[in-house]
């Protein structure tokens, strides 16, 4: 198992830098491209929500990852406003982009690509944990970016 930890301020430049560091870390750990891509997408969505909606200005966030043989597990902790990403948002994905209201697709995607999505509010902090399954060794190394 390998671990990664980082502290950042929820700003778009810091979020982009973090997702790049995570991509390098996961590649160095031999994580398949699909799982690494999904991890970057989910972290970007969760951290962007903190930056935009936390009500805490530039909120401090901690991110931890653990790579195990069958999955990558992550924890995101922030001191922003209480926000449970598990609450189902059901955007109409059949409608064309101009017909859909803004928002909701990012969290819809989070629900589609994660497993074990959990949330708790403790000590005036949001704690979100989730995992993304890895492809078996020798599979999924082709860099596909499909959702499923």
Protein backbone atom coordinates (compact mmCIF):
# COMPACT_ATOMS: atom_id res chain seq x y z
CA UNK A 1 0.00 0.00 0.00
CA UNK A 2 1.10 3.56 -0.72
CA UNK A 3 -0.14 6.79 0.84
CA UNK A 4 -0.38 10.41 -0.31
CA UNK A 5 -1.31 13.41 1.81
CA UNK A 6 -1.63 17.10 1.01
CA UNK A 7 -2.95 20.30 2.53
CA UNK A 8 -4.21 23.06 0.28
CA UNK A 9 -6.31 26.18 0.12
CA UNK A 10 -9.47 25.70 -1.95
CA UNK A 11 -8.53 27.87 -4.94
CA UNK A 12 -8.64 26.74 -8.55
CA UNK A 13 -4.87 27.01 -9.08
CA UNK A 14 -4.19 24.92 -5.95
CA UNK A 15 -6.82 22.37 -6.98
CA UNK A 16 -5.24 22.00 -10.44
CA UNK A 17 -1.77 21.62 -8.93
CA UNK A 18 -3.07 18.97 -6.52
CA UNK A 19 -4.79 16.91 -9.22
CA UNK A 20 -1.55 16.97 -11.23
CA UNK A 21 0.42 15.75 -8.18
CA UNK A 22 -2.17 13.03 -7.60
CA UNK A 23 -1.92 11.90 -11.24
CA UNK A 24 1.87 11.55 -10.95
CA UNK A 25 1.57 9.71 -7.62
CA UNK A 26 -1.02 7.27 -8.99
CA UNK A 27 1.02 6.63 -12.16
CA UNK A 28 4.11 5.96 -10.02
CA UNK A 29 2.01 3.45 -8.02
CA UNK A 30 0.97 1.65 -11.21
CA UNK A 31 -2.70 2.62 -10.95
CA UNK A 32 -4.53 2.09 -14.25
CA UNK A 33 -5.39 5.17 -16.33
CA UNK A 34 -9.16 4.82 -15.85
CA UNK A 35 -8.98 4.74 -12.06
CA UNK A 36 -6.45 7.60 -11.99
CA UNK A 37 -8.64 9.69 -14.29
CA UNK A 38 -11.72 9.04 -12.17
CA UNK A 39 -9.82 9.95 -9.00
CA UNK A 40 -8.73 13.26 -10.55
CA UNK A 41 -12.30 14.01 -11.68
CA UNK A 42 -13.81 13.30 -8.27
CA UNK A 43 -11.18 15.27 -6.36
CA UNK A 44 -11.57 18.20 -8.74
CA UNK A 45 -15.36 18.18 -8.29
CA UNK A 46 -15.29 17.90 -4.50
CA UNK A 47 -12.57 20.53 -4.09
CA UNK A 48 -14.20 22.92 -6.55
CA UNK A 49 -17.44 22.62 -4.57
CA UNK A 50 -15.50 23.60 -1.44
CA UNK A 51 -13.94 26.57 -3.27
CA UNK A 52 -17.23 27.82 -4.73
CA UNK A 53 -19.84 26.89 -2.12
CA UNK A 54 -18.12 26.53 1.25
CA UNK A 55 -18.81 30.03 2.48
CA UNK A 56 -15.39 29.95 4.11
CA UNK A 57 -13.48 32.07 1.62
CA UNK A 58 -10.33 30.20 0.76
CA UNK A 59 -11.05 27.16 2.92
CA UNK A 60 -8.26 24.90 4.13
CA UNK A 61 -8.60 21.34 2.85
CA UNK A 62 -6.70 18.14 3.56
CA UNK A 63 -6.60 15.27 1.08
CA UNK A 64 -5.35 11.75 1.77
CA UNK A 65 -5.14 8.82 -0.63
CA UNK A 66 -4.31 5.19 -0.03
CA UNK A 67 -3.50 2.88 -2.92
CA UNK A 68 -4.20 -0.78 -2.31
CA UNK A 69 -4.10 -3.66 -4.81
CA UNK A 70 -7.80 -3.43 -5.72
CA UNK A 71 -8.73 0.23 -5.12
CA UNK A 72 -7.70 3.79 -4.40
CA UNK A 73 -9.34 5.25 -1.29
CA UNK A 74 -9.53 8.99 -0.61
CA UNK A 75 -10.49 11.29 2.23
CA UNK A 76 -11.26 15.00 1.81
CA UNK A 77 -11.67 17.13 4.95
CA UNK A 78 -12.63 20.82 4.90
CA UNK A 79 -13.95 23.48 7.27
CA UNK A 80 -16.53 24.91 4.87
CA UNK A 81 -20.29 24.94 5.27
CA UNK A 82 -21.89 21.55 5.94
CA UNK A 83 -22.39 19.77 2.62
CA UNK A 84 -23.23 16.11 2.10
CA UNK A 85 -22.26 15.02 -1.43
CA UNK A 86 -24.20 11.77 -1.03
CA UNK A 87 -27.53 13.55 -1.41
CA UNK A 88 -28.84 12.40 -4.75
CA UNK A 89 -29.16 15.07 -7.38
CA UNK A 90 -30.90 13.79 -10.43
CA UNK A 91 -30.10 16.08 -13.33
CA UNK A 92 -31.92 15.35 -16.56
CA UNK A 93 -29.01 13.91 -18.53
CA UNK A 94 -31.29 13.18 -21.47
CA UNK A 95 -31.91 16.90 -22.08
CA UNK A 96 -29.54 18.79 -24.36
CA UNK A 97 -26.97 21.05 -22.69
CA UNK A 98 -28.82 24.31 -23.44
CA UNK A 99 -32.03 22.87 -21.94
CA UNK A 100 -30.43 21.76 -18.65
CA UNK A 101 -30.07 24.03 -15.64
CA UNK A 102 -26.51 24.72 -14.54
CA UNK A 103 -25.02 22.50 -11.87
CA UNK A 104 -25.55 18.99 -10.61
CA UNK A 105 -23.65 17.03 -13.26
CA UNK A 106 -20.39 16.97 -11.32
CA UNK A 107 -21.92 15.29 -8.29
CA UNK A 108 -23.92 12.99 -10.56
CA UNK A 109 -20.57 11.91 -12.02
CA UNK A 110 -19.10 11.45 -8.52
CA UNK A 111 -21.92 8.99 -7.75
CA UNK A 112 -21.31 7.13 -11.02
CA UNK A 113 -17.56 6.51 -10.61
CA UNK A 114 -17.10 6.04 -6.85
CA UNK A 115 -17.79 3.24 -4.41
CA UNK A 116 -18.20 3.49 -0.66
CA UNK A 117 -19.04 7.22 -0.80
CA UNK A 118 -19.39 8.31 2.83
CA UNK A 119 -19.81 11.62 4.60
CA UNK A 120 -19.78 12.92 8.14
CA UNK A 121 -19.96 16.33 9.79
CA UNK A 122 -17.75 16.30 12.87
CA UNK A 123 -15.98 19.06 14.74
CA UNK A 124 -17.33 21.68 12.29
CA UNK A 125 -15.65 19.87 9.42
CA UNK A 126 -16.89 17.98 6.38
CA UNK A 127 -15.26 14.58 5.97
CA UNK A 128 -15.94 12.82 2.68
CA UNK A 129 -14.44 9.43 1.89
CA UNK A 130 -14.74 7.30 -1.22
CA UNK A 131 -12.96 4.66 -3.22
CA UNK A 132 -12.43 3.90 -6.87
CA UNK A 133 -11.79 0.34 -8.01
CA UNK A 134 -8.60 -0.41 -9.90
CA UNK A 135 -8.48 -2.56 -13.01
CA UNK A 136 -6.89 -5.98 -12.46
CA UNK A 137 -3.16 -6.04 -13.23
CA UNK A 138 -2.57 -6.02 -16.97
CA UNK A 139 -6.03 -4.61 -17.75
CA UNK A 140 -7.27 -1.06 -18.19
CA UNK A 141 -3.85 0.37 -19.01
CA UNK A 142 -4.94 1.78 -22.34
CA UNK A 143 -5.86 5.26 -21.10
CA UNK A 144 -9.58 5.04 -21.77
CA UNK A 145 -11.67 7.66 -20.09
CA UNK A 146 -15.09 6.05 -20.12
CA UNK A 147 -17.26 6.60 -17.06
CA UNK A 148 -18.16 2.97 -16.40
